[in-house]
């Protein structure tokens, strides 16, 4: 049977079906992750934007549990890789093994041949092993012994890592970080959420009882719907201005790449669709600037000495950069409307 490659997706879903399917996934994950709805929705947005997610935080806050809950909520192939210093690249991509019966080499796929790949503690593996993910994350394919194998769709890498100051970790190189669409932090739960966690997780882990509420075919249709979300020229220019500002900031010695611009816009499309809109607003880009851009940039030595984090630098750039003049109108705004009372960002019907 021919496998569906990453650029082949299903048909576009009607608004009601899209909303029902996406909310079902979010609600299912929230059975395991308490009090982190914004984080869960962002993780789903990255999946629908055809990207990859890096979850970075201290041990014990639910990084791996979020990745597993998202994987189990979708009835598709899932593989988990525990990254360790002795892990080899062939353990990730696969290896050709000599078959004595056929007197020929046959390829045995590695853990990366799945719809959702959960990489636990990715920065505990050596840089050589980390680089095994570069091709598959960008091109949705794996090349072993000169033969290229296409990956299925959807395909997403959800990697967790501890802060690089932790003992026994290897910092991800710039090329690896740039392939992750967004980096998020779980953070500690609030008192009420932690109390609910004690009640719900005290006797049995709800992750074991989690059942799929979607499948690969539905996710492909969700992706196709996100691709159709309208982006006005003013919003595209604003995305370029945001990324360009990181390249010109005096506190940064490396700004965001053109890939960052593309993934910022793709993720904004997904967020807009999850919010029930078929068009992107500048507010979507502002909300996504830190998770999408902050892990791609490198501060100068002076900024590091001043203990300025990349999150703070990007946040400052967002506040200083002027937004397009025409904004989405509030339903309570009584000022005269523009052309036909429409927002400049809505698509022309």
C-alpha atoms as a PDB file:
ATOM      1  CA  UNK A   1       0.000   0.000   0.000  1.00  0.00           C
ATOM      2  CA  UNK A   2       1.322   3.453  -0.883  1.00  0.00           C
ATOM      3  CA  UNK A   3       1.997   5.656   2.120  1.00  0.00           C
ATOM      4  CA  UNK A   4       0.777   9.216   2.154  1.00  0.00           C
ATOM      5  CA  UNK A   5       3.704  11.623   2.140  1.00  0.00           C
ATOM      6  CA  UNK A   6       3.945  14.778   4.216  1.00  0.00           C
ATOM      7  CA  UNK A   7       2.632  17.158   1.526  1.00  0.00           C
ATOM      8  CA  UNK A   8      -0.484  15.077   0.777  1.00  0.00           C
ATOM      9  CA  UNK A   9      -3.363  15.828   3.124  1.00  0.00           C
ATOM     10  CA  UNK A  10      -7.091  15.261   3.151  1.00  0.00           C
ATOM     11  CA  UNK A  11     -10.002  17.532   2.375  1.00  0.00           C
ATOM     12  CA  UNK A  12     -10.902  20.727   4.208  1.00  0.00           C
ATOM     13  CA  UNK A  13     -13.276  20.299   7.159  1.00  0.00           C
ATOM     14  CA  UNK A  14     -16.314  22.526   7.758  1.00  0.00           C
ATOM     15  CA  UNK A  15     -15.963  24.958  10.635  1.00  0.00           C
ATOM     16  CA  UNK A  16     -18.134  22.978  13.055  1.00  0.00           C
ATOM     17  CA  UNK A  17     -16.314  19.697  12.400  1.00  0.00           C
ATOM     18  CA  UNK A  18     -12.916  21.363  12.743  1.00  0.00           C
ATOM     19  CA  UNK A  19     -13.879  22.901  16.058  1.00  0.00           C
ATOM     20  CA  UNK A  20     -15.358  19.650  17.391  1.00  0.00           C
ATOM     21  CA  UNK A  21     -12.298  17.596  16.430  1.00  0.00           C
ATOM     22  CA  UNK A  22      -9.746  20.067  17.802  1.00  0.00           C
ATOM     23  CA  UNK A  23     -11.635  20.657  21.067  1.00  0.00           C
ATOM     24  CA  UNK A  24     -11.926  16.896  21.580  1.00  0.00           C
ATOM     25  CA  UNK A  25      -8.146  16.518  21.358  1.00  0.00           C
ATOM     26  CA  UNK A  26      -7.548  19.414  23.750  1.00  0.00           C
ATOM     27  CA  UNK A  27     -10.103  18.101  26.262  1.00  0.00           C
ATOM     28  CA  UNK A  28      -8.582  14.633  26.101  1.00  0.00           C
ATOM     29  CA  UNK A  29      -5.077  15.911  26.844  1.00  0.00           C
ATOM     30  CA  UNK A  30      -6.403  18.026  29.709  1.00  0.00           C
ATOM     31  CA  UNK A  31      -7.502  14.840  31.462  1.00  0.00           C
ATOM     32  CA  UNK A  32      -3.785  14.278  32.085  1.00  0.00           C
ATOM     33  CA  UNK A  33      -2.334  17.813  32.133  1.00  0.00           C
ATOM     34  CA  UNK A  34      -4.010  19.957  34.783  1.00  0.00           C
ATOM     35  CA  UNK A  35      -4.351  23.738  34.451  1.00  0.00           C
ATOM     36  CA  UNK A  36      -2.253  24.174  31.284  1.00  0.00           C
ATOM     37  CA  UNK A  37      -4.867  24.789  28.582  1.00  0.00           C
ATOM     38  CA  UNK A  38      -2.839  27.466  26.778  1.00  0.00           C
ATOM     39  CA  UNK A  39       0.176  25.156  26.633  1.00  0.00           C
ATOM     40  CA  UNK A  40      -1.948  22.269  25.350  1.00  0.00           C
ATOM     41  CA  UNK A  41      -3.534  24.419  22.641  1.00  0.00           C
ATOM     42  CA  UNK A  42      -0.143  25.691  21.515  1.00  0.00           C
ATOM     43  CA  UNK A  43       1.137  22.111  21.280  1.00  0.00           C
ATOM     44  CA  UNK A  44      -1.842  21.190  19.098  1.00  0.00           C
ATOM     45  CA  UNK A  45      -1.307  24.308  16.972  1.00  0.00           C
ATOM     46  CA  UNK A  46       2.264  23.197  16.265  1.00  0.00           C
ATOM     47  CA  UNK A  47       0.983  19.799  15.111  1.00  0.00           C
ATOM     48  CA  UNK A  48      -1.566  21.413  12.788  1.00  0.00           C
ATOM     49  CA  UNK A  49       1.126  23.794  11.499  1.00  0.00           C
ATOM     50  CA  UNK A  50       3.137  20.712  10.435  1.00  0.00           C
ATOM     51  CA  UNK A  51       5.922  21.624  12.816  1.00  0.00           C
ATOM     52  CA  UNK A  52       7.843  20.170  15.733  1.00  0.00           C
ATOM     53  CA  UNK A  53       7.705  21.015  19.420  1.00  0.00           C
ATOM     54  CA  UNK A  54      10.492  21.429  21.984  1.00  0.00           C
ATOM     55  CA  UNK A  55       9.398  21.297  25.629  1.00  0.00           C
ATOM     56  CA  UNK A  56      12.075  22.683  27.927  1.00  0.00           C
ATOM     57  CA  UNK A  57      11.749  22.804  31.681  1.00  0.00           C
ATOM     58  CA  UNK A  58      13.036  21.370  34.930  1.00  0.00           C
ATOM     59  CA  UNK A  59      12.361  17.704  35.768  1.00  0.00           C
ATOM     60  CA  UNK A  60       9.008  16.627  37.147  1.00  0.00           C
ATOM     61  CA  UNK A  61       6.669  19.260  35.696  1.00  0.00           C
ATOM     62  CA  UNK A  62       4.995  17.029  33.090  1.00  0.00           C
ATOM     63  CA  UNK A  63       7.057  17.486  29.909  1.00  0.00           C
ATOM     64  CA  UNK A  64       7.009  13.835  28.882  1.00  0.00           C
ATOM     65  CA  UNK A  65       3.447  13.393  30.111  1.00  0.00           C
ATOM     66  CA  UNK A  66       2.235  16.169  27.779  1.00  0.00           C
ATOM     67  CA  UNK A  67       4.031  14.562  24.841  1.00  0.00           C
ATOM     68  CA  UNK A  68       2.601  11.117  25.642  1.00  0.00           C
ATOM     69  CA  UNK A  69      -0.923  12.458  26.215  1.00  0.00           C
ATOM     70  CA  UNK A  70      -0.897  14.203  22.866  1.00  0.00           C
ATOM     71  CA  UNK A  71       0.407  11.082  21.153  1.00  0.00           C
ATOM     72  CA  UNK A  72      -2.227   8.847  22.758  1.00  0.00           C
ATOM     73  CA  UNK A  73      -5.048  11.241  21.882  1.00  0.00           C
ATOM     74  CA  UNK A  74      -4.446  10.546  18.202  1.00  0.00           C
ATOM     75  CA  UNK A  75      -4.884   6.990  16.961  1.00  0.00           C
ATOM     76  CA  UNK A  76      -1.762   6.783  14.827  1.00  0.00           C
ATOM     77  CA  UNK A  77       1.711   5.304  15.042  1.00  0.00           C
ATOM     78  CA  UNK A  78       3.746   6.550  17.996  1.00  0.00           C
ATOM     79  CA  UNK A  79       7.359   5.794  18.913  1.00  0.00           C
ATOM     80  CA  UNK A  80       9.258   6.956  21.958  1.00  0.00           C
ATOM     81  CA  UNK A  81      13.026   7.433  22.051  1.00  0.00           C
ATOM     82  CA  UNK A  82      14.858   7.762  25.345  1.00  0.00           C
ATOM     83  CA  UNK A  83      17.903   9.830  24.459  1.00  0.00           C
ATOM     84  CA  UNK A  84      21.022   8.724  26.325  1.00  0.00           C
ATOM     85  CA  UNK A  85      24.748   9.355  25.778  1.00  0.00           C
ATOM     86  CA  UNK A  86      25.196   5.879  24.247  1.00  0.00           C
ATOM     87  CA  UNK A  87      22.313   6.213  21.756  1.00  0.00           C
ATOM     88  CA  UNK A  88      23.475   5.837  18.131  1.00  0.00           C
ATOM     89  CA  UNK A  89      22.158   7.648  15.025  1.00  0.00           C
ATOM     90  CA  UNK A  90      21.138   4.278  13.546  1.00  0.00           C
ATOM     91  CA  UNK A  91      18.879   3.716  16.564  1.00  0.00           C
ATOM     92  CA  UNK A  92      16.925   6.765  15.417  1.00  0.00           C
ATOM     93  CA  UNK A  93      16.921   6.467  11.622  1.00  0.00           C
ATOM     94  CA  UNK A  94      17.293   2.717  11.081  1.00  0.00           C
ATOM     95  CA  UNK A  95      19.988   0.430   9.728  1.00  0.00           C
ATOM     96  CA  UNK A  96      20.596  -1.948   6.821  1.00  0.00           C
ATOM     97  CA  UNK A  97      21.074  -5.546   8.020  1.00  0.00           C
ATOM     98  CA  UNK A  98      22.418  -8.429   5.964  1.00  0.00           C
ATOM     99  CA  UNK A  99      19.839 -11.177   5.446  1.00  0.00           C
ATOM    100  CA  UNK A 100      21.529 -14.556   5.095  1.00  0.00           C
ATOM    101  CA  UNK A 101      18.459 -16.113   3.469  1.00  0.00           C
ATOM    102  CA  UNK A 102      18.164 -13.593   0.640  1.00  0.00           C
ATOM    103  CA  UNK A 103      21.903 -12.809   0.577  1.00  0.00           C
ATOM    104  CA  UNK A 104      21.087  -9.126   0.475  1.00  0.00           C
ATOM    105  CA  UNK A 105      20.812  -6.153   2.809  1.00  0.00           C
ATOM    106  CA  UNK A 106      17.366  -5.195   4.073  1.00  0.00           C
ATOM    107  CA  UNK A 107      16.425  -1.965   5.783  1.00  0.00           C
ATOM    108  CA  UNK A 108      15.048  -2.056   9.306  1.00  0.00           C
ATOM    109  CA  UNK A 109      13.324   1.249  10.110  1.00  0.00           C
ATOM    110  CA  UNK A 110      14.319   3.124  13.235  1.00  0.00           C
ATOM    111  CA  UNK A 111      12.121   4.817  15.796  1.00  0.00           C
ATOM    112  CA  UNK A 112      11.661   7.896  13.629  1.00  0.00           C
ATOM    113  CA  UNK A 113       9.311   6.013  11.284  1.00  0.00           C
ATOM    114  CA  UNK A 114       6.097   6.978  13.054  1.00  0.00           C
ATOM    115  CA  UNK A 115       3.486   9.724  12.922  1.00  0.00           C
ATOM    116  CA  UNK A 116       4.431  11.085  16.342  1.00  0.00           C
ATOM    117  CA  UNK A 117       7.966  10.671  17.641  1.00  0.00           C
ATOM    118  CA  UNK A 118       8.471  11.446  21.330  1.00  0.00           C
ATOM    119  CA  UNK A 119      12.124  12.232  22.065  1.00  0.00           C
ATOM    120  CA  UNK A 120      12.624  12.226  25.813  1.00  0.00           C
ATOM    121  CA  UNK A 121      15.526  14.319  27.159  1.00  0.00           C
ATOM    122  CA  UNK A 122      16.936  14.998  23.715  1.00  0.00           C
ATOM    123  CA  UNK A 123      19.870  16.975  25.064  1.00  0.00           C
ATOM    124  CA  UNK A 124      21.269  13.945  26.896  1.00  0.00           C
ATOM    125  CA  UNK A 125      22.329  12.381  23.586  1.00  0.00           C
ATOM    126  CA  UNK A 126      25.548  13.297  21.818  1.00  0.00           C
ATOM    127  CA  UNK A 127      25.461  15.948  19.052  1.00  0.00           C
ATOM    128  CA  UNK A 128      26.127  13.189  16.507  1.00  0.00           C
ATOM    129  CA  UNK A 129      22.920  11.408  17.507  1.00  0.00           C
ATOM    130  CA  UNK A 130      20.960  14.652  17.735  1.00  0.00           C
ATOM    131  CA  UNK A 131      21.894  15.392  14.118  1.00  0.00           C
ATOM    132  CA  UNK A 132      20.139  12.193  13.011  1.00  0.00           C
ATOM    133  CA  UNK A 133      16.872  14.143  13.314  1.00  0.00           C
ATOM    134  CA  UNK A 134      17.893  17.024  11.049  1.00  0.00           C
ATOM    135  CA  UNK A 135      16.807  15.543   7.710  1.00  0.00           C
ATOM    136  CA  UNK A 136      13.576  13.977   8.885  1.00  0.00           C
ATOM    137  CA  UNK A 137      12.398  17.092  10.710  1.00  0.00           C
ATOM    138  CA  UNK A 138      12.943  19.406   7.737  1.00  0.00           C
ATOM    139  CA  UNK A 139      12.359  17.211   4.689  1.00  0.00           C
ATOM    140  CA  UNK A 140      10.117  14.468   6.098  1.00  0.00           C
ATOM    141  CA  UNK A 141      12.454  11.799   4.785  1.00  0.00           C
ATOM    142  CA  UNK A 142      15.330   9.623   5.947  1.00  0.00           C
ATOM    143  CA  UNK A 143      18.391   8.661   3.893  1.00  0.00           C
ATOM    144  CA  UNK A 144      20.289   5.532   4.893  1.00  0.00           C
ATOM    145  CA  UNK A 145      23.068   4.005   2.774  1.00  0.00           C
ATOM    146  CA  UNK A 146      22.161   6.270  -0.140  1.00  0.00           C
ATOM    147  CA  UNK A 147      18.472   5.236  -0.195  1.00  0.00           C
ATOM    148  CA  UNK A 148      15.794   7.798   0.706  1.00  0.00           C
ATOM    149  CA  UNK A 149      12.656   6.732   2.580  1.00  0.00           C
ATOM    150  CA  UNK A 150       9.635   9.040   2.805  1.00  0.00           C
ATOM    151  CA  UNK A 151       7.878   9.541   6.127  1.00  0.00           C
ATOM    152  CA  UNK A 152       4.126   9.471   6.626  1.00  0.00           C
ATOM    153  CA  UNK A 153       1.841  12.354   7.356  1.00  0.00           C
ATOM    154  CA  UNK A 154       1.180  13.657   9.914  1.00  0.00           C
ATOM    155  CA  UNK A 155       4.735  13.630  11.219  1.00  0.00           C
ATOM    156  CA  UNK A 156       5.790  15.474  14.342  1.00  0.00           C
ATOM    157  CA  UNK A 157       8.731  15.322  16.707  1.00  0.00           C
ATOM    158  CA  UNK A 158       7.907  16.244  20.299  1.00  0.00           C
ATOM    159  CA  UNK A 159      11.184  16.534  22.197  1.00  0.00           C
ATOM    160  CA  UNK A 160      11.723  17.289  25.848  1.00  0.00           C
ATOM    161  CA  UNK A 161      14.883  18.634  27.389  1.00  0.00           C
ATOM    162  CA  UNK A 162      16.131  19.841  30.726  1.00  0.00           C
ATOM    163  CA  UNK A 163      17.769  23.276  30.927  1.00  0.00           C
ATOM    164  CA  UNK A 164      21.282  23.042  29.513  1.00  0.00           C
ATOM    165  CA  UNK A 165      22.817  24.009  32.840  1.00  0.00           C
ATOM    166  CA  UNK A 166      21.787  20.594  34.163  1.00  0.00           C
ATOM    167  CA  UNK A 167      24.516  17.995  34.641  1.00  0.00           C
ATOM    168  CA  UNK A 168      25.110  15.522  31.803  1.00  0.00           C
ATOM    169  CA  UNK A 169      23.415  17.473  29.009  1.00  0.00           C
ATOM    170  CA  UNK A 170      24.567  18.656  25.578  1.00  0.00           C
ATOM    171  CA  UNK A 171      23.243  21.990  24.251  1.00  0.00           C
ATOM    172  CA  UNK A 172      21.292  21.601  21.019  1.00  0.00           C
ATOM    173  CA  UNK A 173      23.185  23.161  18.090  1.00  0.00           C
ATOM    174  CA  UNK A 174      21.674  26.127  16.252  1.00  0.00           C
ATOM    175  CA  UNK A 175      20.630  24.054  13.228  1.00  0.00           C
ATOM    176  CA  UNK A 176      18.749  21.633  15.473  1.00  0.00           C
ATOM    177  CA  UNK A 177      16.956  24.337  17.451  1.00  0.00           C
ATOM    178  CA  UNK A 178      15.930  26.103  14.261  1.00  0.00           C
ATOM    179  CA  UNK A 179      14.016  23.033  13.110  1.00  0.00           C
ATOM    180  CA  UNK A 180      11.728  23.145  16.121  1.00  0.00           C
ATOM    181  CA  UNK A 181       8.731  25.303  15.349  1.00  0.00           C
ATOM    182  CA  UNK A 182       8.187  26.364  18.939  1.00  0.00           C
ATOM    183  CA  UNK A 183       9.737  25.988  22.358  1.00  0.00           C
ATOM    184  CA  UNK A 184       7.472  25.976  25.384  1.00  0.00           C
ATOM    185  CA  UNK A 185       7.929  25.599  29.126  1.00  0.00           C
ATOM    186  CA  UNK A 186       5.429  23.779  31.310  1.00  0.00           C
ATOM    187  CA  UNK A 187       5.999  25.767  34.469  1.00  0.00           C
ATOM    188  CA  UNK A 188       4.792  24.761  37.913  1.00  0.00           C
ATOM    189  CA  UNK A 189       1.043  24.206  38.338  1.00  0.00           C
ATOM    190  CA  UNK A 190      -1.055  26.541  40.426  1.00  0.00           C
ATOM    191  CA  UNK A 191      -2.230  25.450  43.890  1.00  0.00           C
ATOM    192  CA  UNK A 192      -5.695  24.439  42.641  1.00  0.00           C
ATOM    193  CA  UNK A 193      -4.290  22.534  39.652  1.00  0.00           C
ATOM    194  CA  UNK A 194      -1.766  20.753  41.885  1.00  0.00           C
ATOM    195  CA  UNK A 195      -4.521  19.796  44.309  1.00  0.00           C
ATOM    196  CA  UNK A 196      -6.585  18.422  41.424  1.00  0.00           C
ATOM    197  CA  UNK A 197      -3.508  16.531  40.281  1.00  0.00           C
ATOM    198  CA  UNK A 198      -3.188  14.886  43.694  1.00  0.00           C
ATOM    199  CA  UNK A 199      -6.832  13.793  43.547  1.00  0.00           C
ATOM    200  CA  UNK A 200      -6.694  12.582  39.966  1.00  0.00           C
ATOM    201  CA  UNK A 201      -3.184  11.108  39.852  1.00  0.00           C
ATOM    202  CA  UNK A 202      -2.822   9.924  43.436  1.00  0.00           C
ATOM    203  CA  UNK A 203      -4.180   6.396  42.960  1.00  0.00           C
ATOM    204  CA  UNK A 204      -3.759   5.733  39.234  1.00  0.00           C
ATOM    205  CA  UNK A 205      -2.090   7.486  36.326  1.00  0.00           C
ATOM    206  CA  UNK A 206      -4.859   8.803  33.993  1.00  0.00           C
ATOM    207  CA  UNK A 207      -2.433   8.470  31.091  1.00  0.00           C
ATOM    208  CA  UNK A 208      -2.931   4.687  31.180  1.00  0.00           C
ATOM    209  CA  UNK A 209      -6.687   5.097  30.706  1.00  0.00           C
ATOM    210  CA  UNK A 210      -6.464   7.724  27.963  1.00  0.00           C
ATOM    211  CA  UNK A 211      -8.160   6.682  24.718  1.00  0.00           C
ATOM    212  CA  UNK A 212      -7.734   8.177  21.218  1.00  0.00           C
ATOM    213  CA  UNK A 213     -10.307  10.737  20.119  1.00  0.00           C
ATOM    214  CA  UNK A 214      -8.899  11.291  16.633  1.00  0.00           C
ATOM    215  CA  UNK A 215      -6.842   9.493  14.007  1.00  0.00           C
ATOM    216  CA  UNK A 216      -4.287  10.257  11.318  1.00  0.00           C
ATOM    217  CA  UNK A 217      -6.952  10.813   8.625  1.00  0.00           C
ATOM    218  CA  UNK A 218      -8.756  13.448  10.699  1.00  0.00           C
ATOM    219  CA  UNK A 219      -5.471  15.171  11.583  1.00  0.00           C
ATOM    220  CA  UNK A 220      -4.632  15.374   7.873  1.00  0.00           C
ATOM    221  CA  UNK A 221      -7.984  17.087   7.297  1.00  0.00           C
ATOM    222  CA  UNK A 222      -7.310  19.484  10.170  1.00  0.00           C
ATOM    223  CA  UNK A 223      -3.945  20.321   8.574  1.00  0.00           C
ATOM    224  CA  UNK A 224      -5.619  20.903   5.207  1.00  0.00           C
ATOM    225  CA  UNK A 225      -8.104  23.278   6.857  1.00  0.00           C
ATOM    226  CA  UNK A 226      -5.304  25.243   8.522  1.00  0.00           C
ATOM    227  CA  UNK A 227      -3.531  25.632   5.184  1.00  0.00           C
ATOM    228  CA  UNK A 228      -6.590  27.487   3.840  1.00  0.00           C
ATOM    229  CA  UNK A 229      -6.584  30.170   6.561  1.00  0.00           C
ATOM    230  CA  UNK A 230      -6.249  33.608   4.966  1.00  0.00           C
ATOM    231  CA  UNK A 231      -3.234  35.821   5.679  1.00  0.00           C
ATOM    232  CA  UNK A 232      -3.465  39.455   4.565  1.00  0.00           C
ATOM    233  CA  UNK A 233      -0.478  41.201   3.024  1.00  0.00           C
ATOM    234  CA  UNK A 234      -0.238  43.530   6.028  1.00  0.00           C
ATOM    235  CA  UNK A 235       0.043  40.545   8.362  1.00  0.00           C
ATOM    236  CA  UNK A 236       2.722  38.939   6.189  1.00  0.00           C
ATOM    237  CA  UNK A 237       4.712  42.167   6.253  1.00  0.00           C
ATOM    238  CA  UNK A 238       4.310  42.364  10.025  1.00  0.00           C
ATOM    239  CA  UNK A 239       5.724  38.837  10.353  1.00  0.00           C
ATOM    240  CA  UNK A 240       8.728  39.869   8.260  1.00  0.00           C
ATOM    241  CA  UNK A 241       9.186  42.996  10.388  1.00  0.00           C
ATOM    242  CA  UNK A 242       9.186  40.921  13.578  1.00  0.00           C
ATOM    243  CA  UNK A 243      11.855  38.542  12.307  1.00  0.00           C
ATOM    244  CA  UNK A 244      13.911  41.354  10.795  1.00  0.00           C
ATOM    245  CA  UNK A 245      13.883  43.144  14.152  1.00  0.00           C
ATOM    246  CA  UNK A 246      15.694  40.169  15.717  1.00  0.00           C
ATOM    247  CA  UNK A 247      18.425  40.423  13.078  1.00  0.00           C
ATOM    248  CA  UNK A 248      18.968  44.104  13.790  1.00  0.00           C
ATOM    249  CA  UNK A 249      18.638  44.072  17.585  1.00  0.00           C
ATOM    250  CA  UNK A 250      21.837  45.270  19.334  1.00  0.00           C
ATOM    251  CA  UNK A 251      21.384  42.638  22.062  1.00  0.00           C
ATOM    252  CA  UNK A 252      21.541  39.755  19.578  1.00  0.00           C
ATOM    253  CA  UNK A 253      24.467  38.381  17.608  1.00  0.00           C
ATOM    254  CA  UNK A 254      22.275  35.913  15.704  1.00  0.00           C
ATOM    255  CA  UNK A 255      18.736  36.712  14.619  1.00  0.00           C
ATOM    256  CA  UNK A 256      15.946  34.446  13.450  1.00  0.00           C
ATOM    257  CA  UNK A 257      16.163  32.712  10.073  1.00  0.00           C
ATOM    258  CA  UNK A 258      13.770  32.856   7.112  1.00  0.00           C
ATOM    259  CA  UNK A 259      12.550  29.442   8.267  1.00  0.00           C
ATOM    260  CA  UNK A 260      11.404  31.199  11.431  1.00  0.00           C
ATOM    261  CA  UNK A 261       9.277  33.614   9.394  1.00  0.00           C
ATOM    262  CA  UNK A 262       7.616  30.751   7.580  1.00  0.00           C
ATOM    263  CA  UNK A 263       6.920  28.770  10.739  1.00  0.00           C
ATOM    264  CA  UNK A 264       5.666  31.845  12.560  1.00  0.00           C
ATOM    265  CA  UNK A 265       3.054  32.329   9.846  1.00  0.00           C
ATOM    266  CA  UNK A 266       2.116  28.650   9.705  1.00  0.00           C
ATOM    267  CA  UNK A 267       1.617  28.498  13.456  1.00  0.00           C
ATOM    268  CA  UNK A 268      -0.434  31.706  13.361  1.00  0.00           C
ATOM    269  CA  UNK A 269      -2.719  30.059  10.807  1.00  0.00           C
ATOM    270  CA  UNK A 270      -3.222  27.125  13.169  1.00  0.00           C
ATOM    271  CA  UNK A 271      -3.895  29.383  16.159  1.00  0.00           C
ATOM    272  CA  UNK A 272      -6.425  31.409  14.151  1.00  0.00           C
ATOM    273  CA  UNK A 273      -8.222  28.212  13.100  1.00  0.00           C
ATOM    274  CA  UNK A 274      -8.333  26.969  16.692  1.00  0.00           C
ATOM    275  CA  UNK A 275      -9.826  30.323  17.694  1.00  0.00           C
ATOM    276  CA  UNK A 276     -12.593  29.862  15.106  1.00  0.00           C
ATOM    277  CA  UNK A 277     -11.277  32.352  12.558  1.00  0.00           C
ATOM    278  CA  UNK A 278     -10.394  31.825   8.903  1.00  0.00           C
ATOM    279  CA  UNK A 279      -7.936  34.740   8.895  1.00  0.00           C
ATOM    280  CA  UNK A 280      -4.807  35.667  10.873  1.00  0.00           C
ATOM    281  CA  UNK A 281      -4.502  38.757  13.067  1.00  0.00           C
ATOM    282  CA  UNK A 282      -1.341  40.616  14.110  1.00  0.00           C
ATOM    283  CA  UNK A 283      -2.289  39.621  17.661  1.00  0.00           C
ATOM    284  CA  UNK A 284      -1.662  35.982  16.702  1.00  0.00           C
ATOM    285  CA  UNK A 285       1.880  36.831  15.656  1.00  0.00           C
ATOM    286  CA  UNK A 286       2.495  38.811  18.836  1.00  0.00           C
ATOM    287  CA  UNK A 287       1.317  35.925  21.003  1.00  0.00           C
ATOM    288  CA  UNK A 288       3.549  33.453  19.129  1.00  0.00           C
ATOM    289  CA  UNK A 289       6.686  35.591  18.831  1.00  0.00           C
ATOM    290  CA  UNK A 290       8.330  34.338  22.023  1.00  0.00           C
ATOM    291  CA  UNK A 291       7.650  30.579  21.670  1.00  0.00           C
ATOM    292  CA  UNK A 292       8.511  30.570  17.944  1.00  0.00           C
ATOM    293  CA  UNK A 293      11.483  32.973  17.837  1.00  0.00           C
ATOM    294  CA  UNK A 294      13.202  33.007  21.244  1.00  0.00           C
ATOM    295  CA  UNK A 295      14.943  29.628  20.957  1.00  0.00           C
ATOM    296  CA  UNK A 296      16.437  30.491  17.551  1.00  0.00           C
ATOM    297  CA  UNK A 297      18.373  33.607  18.535  1.00  0.00           C
ATOM    298  CA  UNK A 298      21.687  34.067  20.350  1.00  0.00           C
ATOM    299  CA  UNK A 299      22.281  37.055  22.650  1.00  0.00           C
ATOM    300  CA  UNK A 300      25.503  39.019  22.716  1.00  0.00           C
ATOM    301  CA  UNK A 301      28.035  38.632  25.516  1.00  0.00           C
ATOM    302  CA  UNK A 302      26.903  41.944  27.038  1.00  0.00           C
ATOM    303  CA  UNK A 303      23.273  40.806  27.063  1.00  0.00           C
ATOM    304  CA  UNK A 304      24.271  37.564  28.729  1.00  0.00           C
ATOM    305  CA  UNK A 305      26.249  39.422  31.373  1.00  0.00           C
ATOM    306  CA  UNK A 306      23.208  41.594  31.986  1.00  0.00           C
ATOM    307  CA  UNK A 307      21.209  38.339  32.415  1.00  0.00           C
ATOM    308  CA  UNK A 308      18.823  39.242  29.627  1.00  0.00           C
ATOM    309  CA  UNK A 309      17.008  36.143  28.402  1.00  0.00           C
ATOM    310  CA  UNK A 310      16.057  35.623  24.773  1.00  0.00           C
ATOM    311  CA  UNK A 311      12.397  35.541  25.840  1.00  0.00           C
ATOM    312  CA  UNK A 312      12.728  39.034  27.329  1.00  0.00           C
ATOM    313  CA  UNK A 313      14.541  40.365  24.263  1.00  0.00           C
ATOM    314  CA  UNK A 314      11.858  39.093  21.870  1.00  0.00           C
ATOM    315  CA  UNK A 315       9.103  40.396  24.133  1.00  0.00           C
ATOM    316  CA  UNK A 316      10.703  43.859  24.113  1.00  0.00           C
ATOM    317  CA  UNK A 317      10.943  43.806  20.325  1.00  0.00           C
ATOM    318  CA  UNK A 318       7.254  42.924  20.052  1.00  0.00           C
ATOM    319  CA  UNK A 319       6.281  45.843  22.293  1.00  0.00           C
ATOM    320  CA  UNK A 320       8.481  48.321  20.415  1.00  0.00           C
ATOM    321  CA  UNK A 321       7.560  47.293  16.879  1.00  0.00           C
ATOM    322  CA  UNK A 322       4.533  49.180  15.513  1.00  0.00           C
ATOM    323  CA  UNK A 323       1.638  46.990  14.410  1.00  0.00           C
ATOM    324  CA  UNK A 324      -0.392  47.580  11.229  1.00  0.00           C
ATOM    325  CA  UNK A 325      -2.740  50.533  11.576  1.00  0.00           C
ATOM    326  CA  UNK A 326      -5.947  48.668  10.789  1.00  0.00           C
ATOM    327  CA  UNK A 327      -6.793  46.222  13.595  1.00  0.00           C
ATOM    328  CA  UNK A 328      -9.655  43.846  14.093  1.00  0.00           C
ATOM    329  CA  UNK A 329     -12.637  45.806  15.323  1.00  0.00           C
ATOM    330  CA  UNK A 330     -14.215  45.082  18.674  1.00  0.00           C
ATOM    331  CA  UNK A 331     -17.991  44.402  18.537  1.00  0.00           C
ATOM    332  CA  UNK A 332     -18.316  47.271  21.039  1.00  0.00           C
ATOM    333  CA  UNK A 333     -16.368  49.744  18.895  1.00  0.00           C
ATOM    334  CA  UNK A 334     -18.724  52.594  17.891  1.00  0.00           C
ATOM    335  CA  UNK A 335     -16.270  54.425  15.621  1.00  0.00           C
ATOM    336  CA  UNK A 336     -17.013  54.640  11.864  1.00  0.00           C
ATOM    337  CA  UNK A 337     -16.099  51.430  10.061  1.00  0.00           C
ATOM    338  CA  UNK A 338     -13.846  51.056   7.029  1.00  0.00           C
ATOM    339  CA  UNK A 339     -14.682  49.508   3.701  1.00  0.00           C
ATOM    340  CA  UNK A 340     -18.015  47.633   4.081  1.00  0.00           C
ATOM    341  CA  UNK A 341     -17.376  47.479   7.832  1.00  0.00           C
ATOM    342  CA  UNK A 342     -14.771  44.744   7.372  1.00  0.00           C
ATOM    343  CA  UNK A 343     -11.466  44.234   9.052  1.00  0.00           C
ATOM    344  CA  UNK A 344      -8.503  44.577   6.710  1.00  0.00           C
ATOM    345  CA  UNK A 345      -7.399  41.057   7.653  1.00  0.00           C
ATOM    346  CA  UNK A 346     -10.569  39.234   6.693  1.00  0.00           C
ATOM    347  CA  UNK A 347     -10.533  37.553   3.254  1.00  0.00           C
ATOM    348  CA  UNK A 348     -12.656  39.084   0.534  1.00  0.00           C
ATOM    349  CA  UNK A 349     -15.709  36.912  -0.120  1.00  0.00           C
END
